[in-house]
Amino acid sequence: MAKPVLVTGGAGFVGANLVRLLLGKGYDVTILDNFDRGRAAYLDGLDVRVVRADIRDGEALKTAFKGQEAIFHLAAYGSVVESIEDPDTNFQVNVVGTLNVLKAAVANDVGKLVFSSTGGALMGNTAPPVNEKSVPRPISPYGASKLACEGYLCAFAESYGLNTLMCRFANVYGPWSAHKQGVFNKYLVAIDKGEPLVVYGDPVRDFIYVEDLVRGLTLGLESDTKAGDAYHLSTNTGVRIVDLAAEMLSIRRKNDSQLIRHPARRGEVAENFAEGHKASADLGFTAQVTLRPGLEKTIEWFDAHADLWKPGA
């Protein structure tokens, strides 16, 4: 029989890609999403069960988790800027919601729980490259919430015997992200409208293509990992945001006259990228898609799905 797994936030960006990979690998997939930001259209044609619920509803989680052998916990309040504007909601969704997920997993004897953490916001301005031994120094409520969640995952591994795993994401881009408000989406819209591409400060990020990331998540599920352990899923490469913008302009056959610089924003990490040596050694994970081909594939997907993101399309 197919192994039953549940994905919280399965109608979101990473979730929509992860679900497709899990289905291709023969898993029996259930999605739990409140559709506040995820999109039902991302699930069209997929053989999945859908539970409409919020992770802040502990009783709904306990019901949904019955019979599940593994949980991928992706649902989160994921914006650094929004977390600064509204730290209370960020805490309730990320920390209280994750505590509910953990309690529901214990109540249902779930075999493994894979958690979506962050490398950049969690580490803050810790000098790169960071790794699993680096000391976290979050500088935003979002980063602090993910650090708190990791603490609870470690505590539940020790206190309740729950097999937990933290996967720290680099900056993810790729298909099924039409609803996102990150730098890629903003730049693509600006390029096509002939509007300025704004760069705040001179940040450096580690950009990972989503198909690489979700492959890493499934390797985390299928590998014999230590409960409460953490892994950076990264490309081991720092990319300046101005270089990301230049690549996107080049793909669209535009020059760089649209670039405008502004001072850095509070709470945003200046420079971050991670070493993925531990994930390579323990999980057999190495990112395979480099930036230019990944951007080309992503822009190709956006062009083919203009109805999902272009206003008035």
C-alpha atoms as a PDB file:
ATOM      1  CA  MET A   1       0.000   0.000   0.000  1.00  0.00           C
ATOM      2  CA  ALA A   2       1.093   3.578  -0.677  1.00  0.00           C
ATOM      3  CA  LYS A   3       2.540   5.354   2.344  1.00  0.00           C
ATOM      4  CA  PRO A   4       0.146   8.068   3.611  1.00  0.00           C
ATOM      5  CA  VAL A   5       1.747  11.495   4.068  1.00  0.00           C
ATOM      6  CA  LEU A   6       0.215  14.872   4.841  1.00  0.00           C
ATOM      7  CA  VAL A   7       1.551  18.248   3.705  1.00  0.00           C
ATOM      8  CA  THR A   8       0.533  21.363   5.629  1.00  0.00           C
ATOM      9  CA  GLY A   9       0.531  24.343   3.302  1.00  0.00           C
ATOM     10  CA  GLY A  10       0.289  21.949   0.372  1.00  0.00           C
ATOM     11  CA  ALA A  11      -1.469  24.507  -1.836  1.00  0.00           C
ATOM     12  CA  GLY A  12       1.415  26.955  -1.541  1.00  0.00           C
ATOM     13  CA  PHE A  13       4.564  27.384  -3.611  1.00  0.00           C
ATOM     14  CA  VAL A  14       6.836  24.709  -2.138  1.00  0.00           C
ATOM     15  CA  GLY A  15       3.844  22.526  -1.296  1.00  0.00           C
ATOM     16  CA  ALA A  16       2.542  22.416  -4.864  1.00  0.00           C
ATOM     17  CA  ASN A  17       5.945  21.243  -6.079  1.00  0.00           C
ATOM     18  CA  LEU A  18       6.456  18.791  -3.216  1.00  0.00           C
ATOM     19  CA  VAL A  19       3.036  17.214  -3.703  1.00  0.00           C
ATOM     20  CA  ARG A  20       3.769  16.549  -7.375  1.00  0.00           C
ATOM     21  CA  LEU A  21       7.045  14.856  -6.485  1.00  0.00           C
ATOM     22  CA  LEU A  22       5.420  12.759  -3.756  1.00  0.00           C
ATOM     23  CA  LEU A  23       2.658  11.614  -6.103  1.00  0.00           C
ATOM     24  CA  GLY A  24       5.270  10.678  -8.701  1.00  0.00           C
ATOM     25  CA  LYS A  25       7.023   8.577  -6.072  1.00  0.00           C
ATOM     26  CA  GLY A  26       3.810   6.705  -5.235  1.00  0.00           C
ATOM     27  CA  TYR A  27       2.854   8.317  -1.919  1.00  0.00           C
ATOM     28  CA  ASP A  28      -0.771   8.678  -0.794  1.00  0.00           C
ATOM     29  CA  VAL A  29      -0.987  12.453  -0.276  1.00  0.00           C
ATOM     30  CA  THR A  30      -3.277  14.604   1.857  1.00  0.00           C
ATOM     31  CA  ILE A  31      -3.027  18.399   1.810  1.00  0.00           C
ATOM     32  CA  LEU A  32      -3.990  20.613   4.735  1.00  0.00           C
ATOM     33  CA  ASP A  33      -4.297  24.298   3.876  1.00  0.00           C
ATOM     34  CA  ASN A  34      -6.471  27.229   4.925  1.00  0.00           C
ATOM     35  CA  PHE A  35      -6.105  28.741   1.419  1.00  0.00           C
ATOM     36  CA  ASP A  36      -5.324  32.117   2.895  1.00  0.00           C
ATOM     37  CA  ARG A  37      -2.365  32.336   0.512  1.00  0.00           C
ATOM     38  CA  GLY A  38      -2.234  28.968  -1.200  1.00  0.00           C
ATOM     39  CA  ARG A  39      -4.253  28.486  -4.368  1.00  0.00           C
ATOM     40  CA  ALA A  40      -6.717  25.740  -5.186  1.00  0.00           C
ATOM     41  CA  ALA A  41      -5.756  26.109  -8.860  1.00  0.00           C
ATOM     42  CA  TYR A  42      -2.298  24.731  -8.015  1.00  0.00           C
ATOM     43  CA  LEU A  43      -3.953  21.404  -7.178  1.00  0.00           C
ATOM     44  CA  ASP A  44      -6.045  21.032 -10.341  1.00  0.00           C
ATOM     45  CA  GLY A  45      -5.851  17.506 -11.709  1.00  0.00           C
ATOM     46  CA  LEU A  46      -3.916  16.086  -8.761  1.00  0.00           C
ATOM     47  CA  ASP A  47      -5.039  12.880  -7.042  1.00  0.00           C
ATOM     48  CA  VAL A  48      -4.928  14.238  -3.493  1.00  0.00           C
ATOM     49  CA  ARG A  49      -7.258  14.648  -0.544  1.00  0.00           C
ATOM     50  CA  VAL A  50      -7.686  18.217   0.636  1.00  0.00           C
ATOM     51  CA  VAL A  51      -8.461  19.281   4.202  1.00  0.00           C
ATOM     52  CA  ARG A  52      -9.360  22.952   4.542  1.00  0.00           C
ATOM     53  CA  ALA A  53      -8.080  23.878   7.998  1.00  0.00           C
ATOM     54  CA  ASP A  54      -5.800  26.287   9.827  1.00  0.00           C
ATOM     55  CA  ILE A  55      -2.775  25.070  11.793  1.00  0.00           C
ATOM     56  CA  ARG A  56      -3.930  27.279  14.670  1.00  0.00           C
ATOM     57  CA  ASP A  57      -6.870  24.859  15.063  1.00  0.00           C
ATOM     58  CA  GLY A  58      -5.375  22.048  17.133  1.00  0.00           C
ATOM     59  CA  GLU A  59      -8.451  19.821  17.081  1.00  0.00           C
ATOM     60  CA  ALA A  60      -8.671  19.986  13.281  1.00  0.00           C
ATOM     61  CA  LEU A  61      -5.051  18.878  13.082  1.00  0.00           C
ATOM     62  CA  LYS A  62      -5.589  15.922  15.390  1.00  0.00           C
ATOM     63  CA  THR A  63      -8.399  14.725  13.140  1.00  0.00           C
ATOM     64  CA  ALA A  64      -6.510  15.316   9.904  1.00  0.00           C
ATOM     65  CA  PHE A  65      -3.358  13.535  11.104  1.00  0.00           C
ATOM     66  CA  LYS A  66      -5.136  10.230  11.839  1.00  0.00           C
ATOM     67  CA  GLY A  67      -3.546   7.409   9.864  1.00  0.00           C
ATOM     68  CA  GLN A  68      -0.687   9.545   8.531  1.00  0.00           C
ATOM     69  CA  GLU A  69       2.780   8.035   8.652  1.00  0.00           C
ATOM     70  CA  ALA A  70       4.630  11.273   7.959  1.00  0.00           C
ATOM     71  CA  ILE A  71       3.994  15.012   7.993  1.00  0.00           C
ATOM     72  CA  PHE A  72       5.684  17.717   5.943  1.00  0.00           C
ATOM     73  CA  HIS A  73       5.025  20.950   7.832  1.00  0.00           C
ATOM     74  CA  LEU A  74       5.294  23.802   5.332  1.00  0.00           C
ATOM     75  CA  ALA A  75       2.444  26.088   6.423  1.00  0.00           C
ATOM     76  CA  ALA A  76       3.824  29.364   7.765  1.00  0.00           C
ATOM     77  CA  TYR A  77       3.577  33.134   7.882  1.00  0.00           C
ATOM     78  CA  GLY A  78       6.647  33.537   5.740  1.00  0.00           C
ATOM     79  CA  SER A  79       7.428  37.206   5.084  1.00  0.00           C
ATOM     80  CA  VAL A  80      10.226  39.037   6.915  1.00  0.00           C
ATOM     81  CA  VAL A  81       8.697  42.436   6.136  1.00  0.00           C
ATOM     82  CA  GLU A  82       5.198  41.366   7.214  1.00  0.00           C
ATOM     83  CA  SER A  83       6.579  39.848  10.410  1.00  0.00           C
ATOM     84  CA  ILE A  84       8.032  43.231  11.351  1.00  0.00           C
ATOM     85  CA  GLU A  85       4.703  44.927  10.640  1.00  0.00           C
ATOM     86  CA  ASP A  86       2.685  42.269  12.490  1.00  0.00           C
ATOM     87  CA  PRO A  87       4.813  40.162  14.867  1.00  0.00           C
ATOM     88  CA  ASP A  88       1.741  38.893  16.753  1.00  0.00           C
ATOM     89  CA  THR A  89       0.222  37.092  13.757  1.00  0.00           C
ATOM     90  CA  ASN A  90       3.642  35.807  12.800  1.00  0.00           C
ATOM     91  CA  PHE A  91       4.032  34.281  16.273  1.00  0.00           C
ATOM     92  CA  GLN A  92       0.533  32.789  16.352  1.00  0.00           C
ATOM     93  CA  VAL A  93       0.821  31.120  12.954  1.00  0.00           C
ATOM     94  CA  ASN A  94       4.433  30.007  13.088  1.00  0.00           C
ATOM     95  CA  VAL A  95       5.050  29.187  16.742  1.00  0.00           C
ATOM     96  CA  VAL A  96       1.605  28.336  18.111  1.00  0.00           C
ATOM     97  CA  GLY A  97       0.658  26.674  14.813  1.00  0.00           C
ATOM     98  CA  THR A  98       3.798  24.537  14.865  1.00  0.00           C
ATOM     99  CA  LEU A  99       3.196  23.575  18.500  1.00  0.00           C
ATOM    100  CA  ASN A 100      -0.269  22.386  17.451  1.00  0.00           C
ATOM    101  CA  VAL A 101       1.246  20.383  14.598  1.00  0.00           C
ATOM    102  CA  LEU A 102       3.692  18.716  16.982  1.00  0.00           C
ATOM    103  CA  LYS A 103       1.001  17.836  19.521  1.00  0.00           C
ATOM    104  CA  ALA A 104      -1.243  16.399  16.800  1.00  0.00           C
ATOM    105  CA  ALA A 105       1.669  14.341  15.444  1.00  0.00           C
ATOM    106  CA  VAL A 106       2.371  12.874  18.896  1.00  0.00           C
ATOM    107  CA  ALA A 107      -1.319  12.150  19.494  1.00  0.00           C
ATOM    108  CA  ASN A 108      -1.459  10.177  16.242  1.00  0.00           C
ATOM    109  CA  ASP A 109       1.895   8.369  16.538  1.00  0.00           C
ATOM    110  CA  VAL A 110       3.178   9.929  13.308  1.00  0.00           C
ATOM    111  CA  GLY A 111       6.413   8.277  12.226  1.00  0.00           C
ATOM    112  CA  LYS A 112       8.315  11.377  11.067  1.00  0.00           C
ATOM    113  CA  LEU A 113       7.774  15.117  10.865  1.00  0.00           C
ATOM    114  CA  VAL A 114       9.807  17.184   8.386  1.00  0.00           C
ATOM    115  CA  PHE A 115       9.779  20.907   9.147  1.00  0.00           C
ATOM    116  CA  SER A 116      10.426  23.790   6.761  1.00  0.00           C
ATOM    117  CA  SER A 117      12.824  26.164   8.452  1.00  0.00           C
ATOM    118  CA  THR A 118      14.968  28.950   7.016  1.00  0.00           C
ATOM    119  CA  GLY A 119      18.671  29.492   6.642  1.00  0.00           C
ATOM    120  CA  GLY A 120      18.832  33.239   6.086  1.00  0.00           C
ATOM    121  CA  ALA A 121      16.321  34.718   8.537  1.00  0.00           C
ATOM    122  CA  LEU A 122      17.267  32.201  11.230  1.00  0.00           C
ATOM    123  CA  MET A 123      20.976  32.982  11.005  1.00  0.00           C
ATOM    124  CA  GLY A 124      20.597  36.735  10.620  1.00  0.00           C
ATOM    125  CA  ASN A 125      23.865  38.518   9.938  1.00  0.00           C
ATOM    126  CA  THR A 126      26.055  35.606  11.024  1.00  0.00           C
ATOM    127  CA  ALA A 127      29.082  35.666   8.712  1.00  0.00           C
ATOM    128  CA  PRO A 128      28.584  33.307   5.740  1.00  0.00           C
ATOM    129  CA  PRO A 129      28.923  30.616   4.757  1.00  0.00           C
ATOM    130  CA  VAL A 130      26.796  29.281   7.592  1.00  0.00           C
ATOM    131  CA  ASN A 131      26.339  25.636   8.493  1.00  0.00           C
ATOM    132  CA  GLU A 132      24.558  23.529  11.098  1.00  0.00           C
ATOM    133  CA  LYS A 133      27.137  24.491  13.749  1.00  0.00           C
ATOM    134  CA  SER A 134      26.689  28.254  13.235  1.00  0.00           C
ATOM    135  CA  VAL A 135      24.955  30.111  16.065  1.00  0.00           C
ATOM    136  CA  PRO A 136      21.569  31.516  14.983  1.00  0.00           C
ATOM    137  CA  ARG A 137      21.166  35.291  15.365  1.00  0.00           C
ATOM    138  CA  PRO A 138      17.730  36.191  13.943  1.00  0.00           C
ATOM    139  CA  ILE A 139      17.126  39.888  13.334  1.00  0.00           C
ATOM    140  CA  SER A 140      13.420  39.705  12.396  1.00  0.00           C
ATOM    141  CA  PRO A 141      10.334  38.280  14.124  1.00  0.00           C
ATOM    142  CA  TYR A 142      10.064  35.774  11.261  1.00  0.00           C
ATOM    143  CA  GLY A 143      13.575  34.472  11.917  1.00  0.00           C
ATOM    144  CA  ALA A 144      12.900  34.381  15.651  1.00  0.00           C
ATOM    145  CA  SER A 145       9.713  32.389  15.105  1.00  0.00           C
ATOM    146  CA  LYS A 146      11.539  29.763  13.060  1.00  0.00           C
ATOM    147  CA  LEU A 147      14.230  29.487  15.736  1.00  0.00           C
ATOM    148  CA  ALA A 148      11.513  28.969  18.358  1.00  0.00           C
ATOM    149  CA  CYS A 149       9.937  26.282  16.168  1.00  0.00           C
ATOM    150  CA  GLU A 150      13.248  24.471  15.841  1.00  0.00           C
ATOM    151  CA  GLY A 151      13.550  24.533  19.616  1.00  0.00           C
ATOM    152  CA  TYR A 152      10.150  22.888  19.965  1.00  0.00           C
ATOM    153  CA  LEU A 153      10.999  20.242  17.361  1.00  0.00           C
ATOM    154  CA  CYS A 154      14.139  19.335  19.331  1.00  0.00           C
ATOM    155  CA  ALA A 155      12.162  19.286  22.589  1.00  0.00           C
ATOM    156  CA  PHE A 156       9.431  17.039  21.173  1.00  0.00           C
ATOM    157  CA  ALA A 157      12.089  14.653  19.831  1.00  0.00           C
ATOM    158  CA  GLU A 158      13.524  14.250  23.331  1.00  0.00           C
ATOM    159  CA  SER A 159      10.380  14.582  25.452  1.00  0.00           C
ATOM    160  CA  TYR A 160       7.914  12.579  23.348  1.00  0.00           C
ATOM    161  CA  GLY A 161      10.065  10.474  21.018  1.00  0.00           C
ATOM    162  CA  LEU A 162       8.763  12.214  17.899  1.00  0.00           C
ATOM    163  CA  ASN A 163      11.104  11.773  14.929  1.00  0.00           C
ATOM    164  CA  THR A 164      11.542  15.385  13.814  1.00  0.00           C
ATOM    165  CA  LEU A 165      13.768  16.860  11.115  1.00  0.00           C
ATOM    166  CA  MET A 166      14.460  20.533  10.348  1.00  0.00           C
ATOM    167  CA  CYS A 167      15.268  21.516   6.773  1.00  0.00           C
ATOM    168  CA  ARG A 168      16.645  25.043   6.495  1.00  0.00           C
ATOM    169  CA  PHE A 169      15.725  26.492   3.125  1.00  0.00           C
ATOM    170  CA  ALA A 170      17.855  28.772   1.017  1.00  0.00           C
ATOM    171  CA  ASN A 171      15.893  31.374  -1.021  1.00  0.00           C
ATOM    172  CA  VAL A 172      13.540  29.323  -3.165  1.00  0.00           C
ATOM    173  CA  TYR A 173      12.347  30.177  -6.670  1.00  0.00           C
ATOM    174  CA  GLY A 174      10.575  28.245  -9.397  1.00  0.00           C
ATOM    175  CA  PRO A 175       7.153  27.216 -10.785  1.00  0.00           C
ATOM    176  CA  TRP A 176       3.886  27.397  -8.846  1.00  0.00           C
ATOM    177  CA  SER A 177       4.903  30.644  -7.129  1.00  0.00           C
ATOM    178  CA  ALA A 178       2.534  33.036  -8.905  1.00  0.00           C
ATOM    179  CA  HIS A 179       1.021  34.227  -5.608  1.00  0.00           C
ATOM    180  CA  LYS A 180       4.343  35.042  -3.940  1.00  0.00           C
ATOM    181  CA  GLN A 181       5.555  38.577  -3.254  1.00  0.00           C
ATOM    182  CA  GLY A 182       9.285  37.893  -3.252  1.00  0.00           C
ATOM    183  CA  VAL A 183      12.037  39.483  -5.280  1.00  0.00           C
ATOM    184  CA  PHE A 184      11.661  37.231  -8.355  1.00  0.00           C
ATOM    185  CA  ASN A 185       7.955  37.977  -8.794  1.00  0.00           C
ATOM    186  CA  LYS A 186       8.384  41.701  -8.216  1.00  0.00           C
ATOM    187  CA  TYR A 187      11.237  41.908 -10.689  1.00  0.00           C
ATOM    188  CA  LEU A 188       9.448  39.923 -13.397  1.00  0.00           C
ATOM    189  CA  VAL A 189       6.377  42.151 -13.179  1.00  0.00           C
ATOM    190  CA  ALA A 190       8.558  45.285 -13.199  1.00  0.00           C
ATOM    191  CA  ILE A 191      10.593  44.093 -16.185  1.00  0.00           C
ATOM    192  CA  ASP A 192       7.496  43.346 -18.247  1.00  0.00           C
ATOM    193  CA  LYS A 193       5.945  46.706 -17.354  1.00  0.00           C
ATOM    194  CA  GLY A 194       9.151  48.649 -17.957  1.00  0.00           C
ATOM    195  CA  GLU A 195       9.204  49.771 -14.331  1.00  0.00           C
ATOM    196  CA  PRO A 196      12.237  50.137 -12.015  1.00  0.00           C
ATOM    197  CA  LEU A 197      13.812  47.140 -10.304  1.00  0.00           C
ATOM    198  CA  VAL A 198      14.560  48.266  -6.756  1.00  0.00           C
ATOM    199  CA  VAL A 199      17.515  46.823  -4.831  1.00  0.00           C
ATOM    200  CA  TYR A 200      17.639  47.522  -1.071  1.00  0.00           C
ATOM    201  CA  GLY A 201      21.263  47.719   0.013  1.00  0.00           C
ATOM    202  CA  ASP A 202      23.544  45.135  -1.615  1.00  0.00           C
ATOM    203  CA  PRO A 203      22.189  41.823  -0.318  1.00  0.00           C
ATOM    204  CA  VAL A 204      23.587  38.398  -1.114  1.00  0.00           C
ATOM    205  CA  ARG A 205      21.386  35.301  -1.096  1.00  0.00           C
ATOM    206  CA  ASP A 206      21.589  31.588  -1.846  1.00  0.00           C
ATOM    207  CA  PHE A 207      18.950  30.897  -4.521  1.00  0.00           C
ATOM    208  CA  ILE A 208      17.781  27.298  -4.833  1.00  0.00           C
ATOM    209  CA  TYR A 209      15.470  25.993  -7.547  1.00  0.00           C
ATOM    210  CA  VAL A 210      12.323  24.531  -6.051  1.00  0.00           C
ATOM    211  CA  GLU A 211      12.653  21.117  -7.708  1.00  0.00           C
ATOM    212  CA  ASP A 212      16.029  20.724  -6.009  1.00  0.00           C
ATOM    213  CA  LEU A 213      14.560  21.806  -2.684  1.00  0.00           C
ATOM    214  CA  VAL A 214      11.626  19.383  -2.680  1.00  0.00           C
ATOM    215  CA  ARG A 215      13.939  16.554  -3.691  1.00  0.00           C
ATOM    216  CA  GLY A 216      15.936  17.406  -0.582  1.00  0.00           C
ATOM    217  CA  LEU A 217      12.788  17.306   1.538  1.00  0.00           C
ATOM    218  CA  THR A 218      11.877  13.822   0.308  1.00  0.00           C
ATOM    219  CA  LEU A 219      15.440  12.649   0.918  1.00  0.00           C
ATOM    220  CA  GLY A 220      15.023  13.955   4.463  1.00  0.00           C
ATOM    221  CA  LEU A 221      11.900  11.858   4.892  1.00  0.00           C
ATOM    222  CA  GLU A 222      13.390   8.718   3.393  1.00  0.00           C
ATOM    223  CA  SER A 223      16.817   8.882   5.071  1.00  0.00           C
ATOM    224  CA  ASP A 224      17.686   7.473   8.475  1.00  0.00           C
ATOM    225  CA  THR A 225      18.226  10.790  10.243  1.00  0.00           C
ATOM    226  CA  LYS A 226      18.675  11.532  13.926  1.00  0.00           C
ATOM    227  CA  ALA A 227      15.545  12.901  15.614  1.00  0.00           C
ATOM    228  CA  GLY A 228      15.803  16.649  16.148  1.00  0.00           C
ATOM    229  CA  ASP A 229      18.534  17.102  13.565  1.00  0.00           C
ATOM    230  CA  ALA A 230      18.834  20.047  11.134  1.00  0.00           C
ATOM    231  CA  TYR A 231      20.073  20.329   7.546  1.00  0.00           C
ATOM    232  CA  HIS A 232      20.734  23.281   5.266  1.00  0.00           C
ATOM    233  CA  LEU A 233      19.288  22.681   1.809  1.00  0.00           C
ATOM    234  CA  SER A 234      21.368  25.075  -0.242  1.00  0.00           C
ATOM    235  CA  THR A 235      23.488  25.553  -3.355  1.00  0.00           C
ATOM    236  CA  ASN A 236      26.629  26.618  -1.416  1.00  0.00           C
ATOM    237  CA  THR A 237      26.721  29.778  -3.537  1.00  0.00           C
ATOM    238  CA  GLY A 238      25.987  33.405  -2.702  1.00  0.00           C
ATOM    239  CA  VAL A 239      24.373  35.535  -5.417  1.00  0.00           C
ATOM    240  CA  ARG A 240      24.091  39.325  -5.256  1.00  0.00           C
ATOM    241  CA  ILE A 241      20.552  40.540  -5.823  1.00  0.00           C
ATOM    242  CA  VAL A 242      21.830  42.945  -8.479  1.00  0.00           C
ATOM    243  CA  ASP A 243      23.210  39.934 -10.360  1.00  0.00           C
ATOM    244  CA  LEU A 244      19.864  38.141 -10.080  1.00  0.00           C
ATOM    245  CA  ALA A 245      18.214  41.227 -11.566  1.00  0.00           C
ATOM    246  CA  ALA A 246      20.792  41.375 -14.358  1.00  0.00           C
ATOM    247  CA  GLU A 247      20.183  37.724 -15.266  1.00  0.00           C
ATOM    248  CA  MET A 248      16.426  38.269 -15.410  1.00  0.00           C
ATOM    249  CA  LEU A 249      16.841  41.376 -17.562  1.00  0.00           C
ATOM    250  CA  SER A 250      19.141  39.433 -19.869  1.00  0.00           C
ATOM    251  CA  ILE A 251      16.625  36.592 -20.256  1.00  0.00           C
ATOM    252  CA  ARG A 252      13.962  39.166 -21.126  1.00  0.00           C
ATOM    253  CA  ARG A 253      16.466  40.886 -23.471  1.00  0.00           C
ATOM    254  CA  LYS A 254      16.425  44.152 -21.521  1.00  0.00           C
ATOM    255  CA  ASN A 255      19.345  46.304 -20.344  1.00  0.00           C
ATOM    256  CA  ASP A 256      20.133  47.210 -16.733  1.00  0.00           C
ATOM    257  CA  SER A 257      18.916  50.802 -16.907  1.00  0.00           C
ATOM    258  CA  GLN A 258      15.867  49.794 -14.847  1.00  0.00           C
ATOM    259  CA  LEU A 259      17.936  49.082 -11.707  1.00  0.00           C
ATOM    260  CA  ILE A 260      17.455  51.526  -8.819  1.00  0.00           C
ATOM    261  CA  ARG A 261      19.213  51.289  -5.445  1.00  0.00           C
ATOM    262  CA  HIS A 262      17.689  52.168  -2.071  1.00  0.00           C
ATOM    263  CA  PRO A 263      19.110  51.837   1.465  1.00  0.00           C
ATOM    264  CA  ALA A 264      18.826  48.442   3.135  1.00  0.00           C
ATOM    265  CA  ARG A 265      15.605  47.735   5.057  1.00  0.00           C
ATOM    266  CA  ARG A 266      15.517  46.960   8.763  1.00  0.00           C
ATOM    267  CA  GLY A 267      15.249  43.280   9.681  1.00  0.00           C
ATOM    268  CA  GLU A 268      16.557  41.980   6.369  1.00  0.00           C
ATOM    269  CA  VAL A 269      19.789  39.999   6.327  1.00  0.00           C
ATOM    270  CA  ALA A 270      22.630  41.651   4.416  1.00  0.00           C
ATOM    271  CA  GLU A 271      24.466  38.529   3.269  1.00  0.00           C
ATOM    272  CA  ASN A 272      23.677  34.870   3.681  1.00  0.00           C
ATOM    273  CA  PHE A 273      24.501  31.582   2.032  1.00  0.00           C
ATOM    274  CA  ALA A 274      25.048  28.141   3.487  1.00  0.00           C
ATOM    275  CA  GLU A 275      27.292  25.127   3.202  1.00  0.00           C
ATOM    276  CA  GLY A 276      25.353  22.005   2.275  1.00  0.00           C
ATOM    277  CA  HIS A 277      28.045  19.484   3.167  1.00  0.00           C
ATOM    278  CA  LYS A 278      26.028  17.775   5.901  1.00  0.00           C
ATOM    279  CA  ALA A 279      23.004  17.317   3.628  1.00  0.00           C
ATOM    280  CA  SER A 280      25.286  15.926   0.950  1.00  0.00           C
ATOM    281  CA  ALA A 281      26.950  13.467   3.333  1.00  0.00           C
ATOM    282  CA  ASP A 282      23.860  12.284   5.225  1.00  0.00           C
ATOM    283  CA  LEU A 283      21.025  12.676   2.711  1.00  0.00           C
ATOM    284  CA  GLY A 284      22.851  12.386  -0.596  1.00  0.00           C
ATOM    285  CA  PHE A 285      21.540  15.848  -1.507  1.00  0.00           C
ATOM    286  CA  THR A 286      23.268  18.212  -3.910  1.00  0.00           C
ATOM    287  CA  ALA A 287      21.523  21.029  -5.758  1.00  0.00           C
ATOM    288  CA  GLN A 288      21.627  20.341  -9.497  1.00  0.00           C
ATOM    289  CA  VAL A 289      20.038  23.393 -11.157  1.00  0.00           C
ATOM    290  CA  THR A 290      22.250  26.477 -11.455  1.00  0.00           C
ATOM    291  CA  LEU A 291      20.835  30.001 -11.466  1.00  0.00           C
ATOM    292  CA  ARG A 292      20.552  30.876 -15.161  1.00  0.00           C
ATOM    293  CA  PRO A 293      18.837  27.625 -16.268  1.00  0.00           C
ATOM    294  CA  GLY A 294      16.604  27.774 -13.187  1.00  0.00           C
ATOM    295  CA  LEU A 295      15.527  31.330 -13.971  1.00  0.00           C
ATOM    296  CA  GLU A 296      14.869  30.407 -17.598  1.00  0.00           C
ATOM    297  CA  LYS A 297      12.668  27.475 -16.549  1.00  0.00           C
ATOM    298  CA  THR A 298      10.827  29.621 -14.011  1.00  0.00           C
ATOM    299  CA  ILE A 299      10.161  32.450 -16.457  1.00  0.00           C
ATOM    300  CA  GLU A 300       8.996  29.886 -19.017  1.00  0.00           C
ATOM    301  CA  TRP A 301       6.479  28.591 -16.455  1.00  0.00           C
ATOM    302  CA  PHE A 302       5.271  32.109 -15.663  1.00  0.00           C
ATOM    303  CA  ASP A 303       4.790  32.852 -19.349  1.00  0.00           C
ATOM    304  CA  ALA A 304       2.753  29.663 -19.739  1.00  0.00           C
ATOM    305  CA  HIS A 305       0.599  30.510 -16.697  1.00  0.00           C
ATOM    306  CA  ALA A 306      -0.052  34.212 -17.204  1.00  0.00           C
ATOM    307  CA  ASP A 307      -3.624  33.677 -16.047  1.00  0.00           C
ATOM    308  CA  LEU A 308      -2.324  33.002 -12.525  1.00  0.00           C
ATOM    309  CA  TRP A 309      -0.270  36.147 -12.067  1.00  0.00           C
ATOM    310  CA  LYS A 310      -0.739  38.866 -14.688  1.00  0.00           C
ATOM    311  CA  PRO A 311      -3.382  41.433 -13.652  1.00  0.00           C
ATOM    312  CA  GLY A 312      -6.258  41.354 -16.072  1.00  0.00           C
ATOM    313  CA  ALA A 313      -4.899  38.353 -17.977  1.00  0.00           C
END
